[in-house]
Protein backbone atom coordinates (compact mmCIF):
# COMPACT_ATOMS: atom_id res chain seq x y z
CA MET A 1 1.63 -9.53 -9.57
CA PHE A 2 -0.95 -10.31 -6.73
CA ASN A 3 -3.66 -8.41 -9.06
CA ASN A 4 -6.54 -10.34 -6.96
CA ARG A 5 -6.67 -9.72 -3.56
CA LEU A 6 -7.87 -13.04 -2.07
CA THR A 7 -4.53 -14.01 -3.89
CA ARG A 8 -2.57 -11.33 -1.76
CA ILE A 9 -4.20 -12.57 1.45
CA LEU A 10 -3.49 -16.27 0.73
CA SER A 11 0.07 -15.20 -0.21
CA SER A 12 0.27 -13.50 2.71
CA MET A 13 -1.17 -16.37 4.79
CA THR A 14 1.38 -19.20 3.38
CA VAL A 15 4.44 -16.59 4.13
CA SER A 16 3.52 -15.98 7.51
CA ILE A 17 3.06 -19.86 8.25
CA ILE A 18 6.37 -20.39 6.96
CA PHE A 19 8.16 -17.87 8.78
CA SER A 20 6.63 -18.42 11.87
CA GLY A 21 7.33 -22.16 11.41
CA LEU A 22 10.97 -21.27 10.83
CA ILE A 23 11.11 -19.10 13.90
CA VAL A 24 9.60 -22.02 15.90
CA TRP A 25 12.00 -24.58 14.52
CA LEU A 26 15.41 -22.57 15.15
CA THR A 27 13.92 -22.08 18.70
CA PRO A 28 15.78 -24.18 20.91
CA GLU A 29 13.75 -25.55 23.97
CA GLU A 30 16.65 -24.92 26.46
CA GLN A 31 17.99 -21.51 26.92
CA PRO A 32 16.39 -20.35 23.54
CA SER A 33 17.22 -16.95 22.08
CA ARG A 34 15.74 -13.40 23.37
CA ILE A 35 15.07 -12.66 19.67
CA LEU A 36 13.72 -15.64 18.45
CA ILE A 37 11.31 -15.82 21.71
CA MET A 38 10.34 -12.09 20.75
CA ALA A 39 9.32 -13.02 17.15
CA GLY A 40 7.33 -15.70 18.58
CA GLY A 41 9.27 -18.99 18.55
CA VAL A 42 7.42 -20.32 21.59
CA LEU A 43 4.01 -21.69 21.42
CA PRO A 44 1.34 -20.98 22.07
CA ALA A 45 2.45 -17.56 23.35
CA GLY A 46 3.98 -17.04 19.74
CA LEU A 47 0.38 -17.26 17.88
CA ILE A 48 -0.07 -13.70 18.39
CA GLN A 49 3.26 -12.49 16.53
CA ALA A 50 2.28 -15.19 14.09
CA PHE A 51 -0.85 -13.02 13.52
CA THR A 52 0.79 -9.66 13.64
CA PHE A 53 3.34 -11.38 10.94
CA PHE A 54 0.41 -12.21 8.64
CA LEU A 55 -1.05 -8.74 8.84
CA PHE A 56 2.45 -7.35 7.89
CA PHE A 57 2.64 -9.65 5.03
CA PHE A 58 -0.67 -8.68 3.98
CA GLY A 59 0.26 -4.90 4.29
CA MET A 60 3.31 -5.28 2.30
CA THR A 61 1.28 -7.20 -0.75
CA GLU A 62 -1.03 -4.45 -0.83
CA VAL A 63 1.68 -1.98 -1.08
CA LEU A 64 3.51 -3.62 -3.69
CA TRP A 65 0.36 -4.22 -5.99
CA ILE A 66 -0.23 -0.64 -5.39
CA ASN A 67 3.39 0.27 -6.21
CA SER A 68 3.28 -2.02 -9.66
CA ARG A 69 -0.05 -0.07 -10.79
CA LEU A 70 2.18 3.31 -9.98
CA THR A 71 4.86 1.59 -12.22
CA TYR A 72 2.21 0.81 -14.86
CA GLU A 73 0.78 4.23 -14.96
CA LYS A 74 4.33 5.70 -15.23
CA ASP A 75 5.05 3.61 -18.44
CA SER A 76 2.39 5.73 -20.47
CA PHE A 77 4.78 8.47 -20.36
CA ILE A 78 7.50 6.41 -22.58
CA MET A 79 4.57 6.42 -25.38
CA HIS A 80 4.71 9.99 -26.05
CA LEU A 81 1.05 10.36 -26.54
CA LEU A 82 1.15 14.25 -26.73
CA PRO A 83 2.94 16.40 -29.11
CA GLU A 84 5.78 17.59 -26.99
CA LYS A 85 7.41 20.09 -29.57
CA GLU A 86 7.82 23.32 -28.95
CA ASN A 87 5.64 25.73 -30.92
CA TRP A 88 3.15 23.00 -31.71
CA VAL A 89 -0.43 23.86 -32.52
CA LEU A 90 -3.66 21.84 -32.32
CA SER A 91 -6.41 22.89 -34.27
CA THR A 92 -10.00 21.40 -33.81
CA ASP A 93 -8.77 18.78 -36.80
CA ASP A 94 -5.89 17.86 -34.49
CA VAL A 95 -7.83 17.45 -31.70
CA LYS A 96 -10.27 15.00 -32.80
CA ASN A 97 -7.32 13.11 -34.84
CA LEU A 98 -5.86 12.43 -31.21
CA LYS A 99 -8.86 11.32 -29.85
CA LEU A 100 -9.21 8.56 -32.25
CA LYS A 101 -5.15 7.95 -31.58
CA ILE A 102 -6.14 7.93 -28.06
CA GLN A 103 -8.87 5.33 -28.21
CA ASP A 104 -6.66 3.06 -30.52
CA VAL A 105 -3.96 2.71 -27.95
CA GLU A 106 -6.80 1.90 -25.08
CA ARG A 107 -8.07 -1.10 -27.32
CA SER A 108 -4.50 -2.54 -25.73
CA GLN A 109 -3.47 -0.70 -23.09
CA LYS A 110 -5.27 1.95 -20.93
CA PHE A 111 -3.95 4.50 -18.41
CA TYR A 112 -5.20 7.14 -16.42
CA LEU A 113 -3.28 9.51 -18.97
CA THR A 114 -5.10 8.09 -22.01
CA ASP A 115 -8.35 8.50 -20.13
CA LEU A 116 -7.53 11.97 -19.47
CA ILE A 117 -6.42 12.81 -22.69
CA LYS A 118 -9.59 11.21 -24.37
CA LYS A 119 -12.11 13.50 -21.85
CA CYS A 120 -10.08 16.51 -22.56
CA CYS A 121 -10.41 16.01 -26.46
CA THR A 122 -14.14 15.31 -25.73
CA LYS A 123 -14.41 18.53 -23.86
CA TYR A 124 -12.67 20.68 -26.01
CA ALA A 125 -14.57 19.59 -29.19
CA LEU A 126 -17.87 20.51 -27.38
CA SER A 127 -16.78 23.84 -25.53
CA LYS A 128 -13.73 25.10 -27.47
CA SER A 129 -12.97 26.52 -24.14
CA SER A 130 -9.49 25.53 -22.58
CA SER A 131 -10.22 27.11 -19.37
CA GLU A 132 -13.16 24.31 -19.19
CA VAL A 133 -10.65 21.66 -20.24
CA MET A 134 -8.54 22.80 -17.57
CA ALA A 135 -11.52 22.82 -14.90
CA LEU A 136 -12.31 19.31 -16.18
CA THR A 137 -8.38 17.89 -15.62
CA GLU A 138 -8.24 18.77 -12.25
CA ALA A 139 -11.98 17.33 -11.39
CA GLN A 140 -10.59 14.05 -13.42
CA LEU A 141 -7.50 13.92 -11.47
CA ARG A 142 -9.44 14.15 -7.77
CA ILE A 143 -11.17 10.86 -9.35
CA TYR A 144 -8.05 9.02 -10.07
CA GLN A 145 -6.54 9.84 -7.06
CA ALA A 146 -10.10 8.94 -4.33
CA GLU A 147 -9.96 5.64 -6.70
CA LEU A 148 -6.37 5.04 -5.74
CA GLU A 149 -7.21 6.02 -2.14
CA ASN A 150 -9.83 3.58 -1.91
CA GLU A 151 -7.95 0.85 -3.03
CA GLN A 152 -5.52 1.86 -0.44
CA SER A 153 -8.24 1.21 2.57
CA PHE A 154 -7.13 -2.30 3.53
CA ILE A 155 -3.81 -0.66 4.06
CA ARG A 156 -4.83 1.81 6.46
CA TYR A 157 -6.81 -0.64 8.32
CA VAL A 158 -3.58 -3.33 8.46
CA ILE A 159 -1.53 -0.26 9.57
CA TRP A 160 -4.56 0.09 12.68
CA ALA A 161 -4.70 -3.42 13.25
CA ILE A 162 -1.07 -4.48 13.83
CA PRO A 163 -0.72 -2.39 16.87
CA SER A 164 -4.05 -3.10 18.26
CA VAL A 165 -3.18 -7.05 18.27
CA GLY A 166 0.02 -6.34 19.69
CA PHE A 167 -1.78 -4.23 22.80
CA ILE A 168 -4.37 -7.59 22.74
CA GLY A 169 -1.47 -9.73 22.99
CA THR A 170 -0.33 -7.38 26.26
CA VAL A 171 -3.47 -7.92 27.79
CA ILE A 172 -3.38 -11.37 27.50
CA GLY A 173 0.19 -11.51 28.88
CA ILE A 174 -0.28 -9.64 31.58
CA ALA A 175 -3.79 -11.57 32.83
CA ALA A 176 -1.66 -14.57 32.33
CA SER A 177 1.08 -13.19 34.60
CA LEU A 178 -1.56 -12.30 37.28
CA GLY A 179 -2.54 -15.83 37.19
CA TYR A 180 0.45 -16.80 38.43
CA ALA A 181 0.96 -14.53 40.91
CA LYS A 182 -0.28 -16.62 43.98
CA ASP A 183 2.91 -18.59 43.26
CA ALA A 184 5.09 -15.67 43.32
CA SER A 185 6.20 -16.65 46.96
CA SER A 186 8.69 -19.38 45.06
CA ALA A 187 11.24 -19.13 42.51
CA SER A 188 9.51 -21.44 40.05
CA GLY A 189 6.43 -19.00 40.70
CA ILE A 190 8.38 -15.61 40.02
CA GLU A 191 9.86 -17.19 36.83
CA LYS A 192 6.20 -17.93 35.36
CA VAL A 193 5.30 -14.50 36.09
CA THR A 194 8.07 -12.97 34.73
CA ASP A 195 8.03 -14.96 31.43
CA ALA A 196 4.36 -14.37 30.71
CA LEU A 197 5.05 -10.53 31.46
CA ALA A 198 7.84 -10.96 28.68
CA VAL A 199 5.88 -12.48 26.56
CA ALA A 200 3.08 -9.30 27.19
CA PHE A 201 5.49 -6.54 26.06
CA ASP A 202 7.49 -8.45 23.29
CA THR A 203 3.93 -9.00 21.18
CA THR A 204 3.74 -5.31 21.44
CA LEU A 205 7.02 -4.50 20.76
CA VAL A 206 7.34 -6.52 17.58
CA ALA A 207 3.75 -5.05 16.60
CA LEU A 208 5.29 -1.53 16.97
CA ILE A 209 8.34 -2.17 14.88
CA LEU A 210 6.26 -3.70 12.09
CA SER A 211 3.70 -1.08 12.01
CA ILE A 212 6.85 1.62 12.02
CA ILE A 213 8.09 -0.16 8.74
CA LEU A 214 4.94 -0.57 6.71
CA MET A 215 3.90 3.18 7.77
CA TYR A 216 7.39 4.38 5.95
CA VAL A 217 6.84 2.01 2.98
CA VAL A 218 3.08 3.44 2.64
CA HIS A 219 4.22 6.99 2.94
CA SER A 220 6.91 6.63 0.46
CA ILE A 221 3.87 4.73 -2.07
CA GLN A 222 1.96 7.77 -0.79
CA LYS A 223 4.68 10.30 -2.52
CA LYS A 224 5.13 8.47 -5.52
CA GLN A 225 1.58 8.28 -6.02
CA ASP A 226 1.38 12.33 -5.88
CA ASP A 227 4.53 12.58 -7.71
CA LEU A 228 2.71 10.62 -10.76
CA PHE A 229 -0.50 13.00 -10.59
CA ILE A 230 1.44 15.73 -10.76
CA ARG A 231 3.33 14.87 -13.87
CA ILE A 232 0.11 13.91 -15.59
CA ASN A 233 -1.29 17.18 -14.69
CA VAL A 234 2.16 18.80 -16.10
CA TYR A 235 2.31 16.82 -19.16
CA VAL A 236 -1.39 17.49 -19.94
CA ILE A 237 -1.41 20.93 -19.53
CA GLU A 238 2.01 21.65 -21.02
CA ASN A 239 1.52 19.65 -24.08
CA LEU A 240 -2.17 19.60 -24.90
CA ILE A 241 -4.25 22.23 -23.24
CA ASN A 242 -1.70 25.44 -23.92
CA ARG A 243 -1.44 24.21 -27.60
CA PHE A 244 -5.33 24.45 -28.40
CA TYR A 245 -5.39 26.99 -31.06
CA LYS A 246 -7.11 29.97 -29.53
């Protein structure tokens, strides 16, 4: 799902256009709802909110892609790739056969777990040292984590960009209100100033709400990612490294 970033960008753009168009369509010309105005129901002032929603939807599609990747990696435990019975000891020949088994699995499916097991088997065949295999496991897990962290660079950018776009909308709204300041002596002039200020603060409010939601989702994914690598580490130590024949 959404494996290509360009696809995720285009999907987010489509959703944001549909969403913003629906908000504008639902906003009546006379006495519009305050919530609809805040969501960008009045044009051209609502263009800032529309772009904010695009960034939010793009960030969410990035999160969904990372979540699908983590779910895929989690499925590797269902395959029971390592011996899980108690008191099972692996000889050198068992380790070689295990590596061949993992290579067969990787012809159809490749996981972080299969890659790590294969590297551990190779390291043990060369060194016959459990401590060296343990060090390799820790180093390899850091590489996997860095790889996933790199994939999340666009999410971090979006989290920063959303409130920044909101602040840009605030600056534009305040500048517009100052342009109406000369008309503030009349009732219609005061209305123009207050409307411009309302738009100014609405853009920041919407941006902050969306960024809070996105940050919560991102932190939830981060916890899921940490749990995955902890589980991989424990699984390999308990069912592979601790079973090497001393």
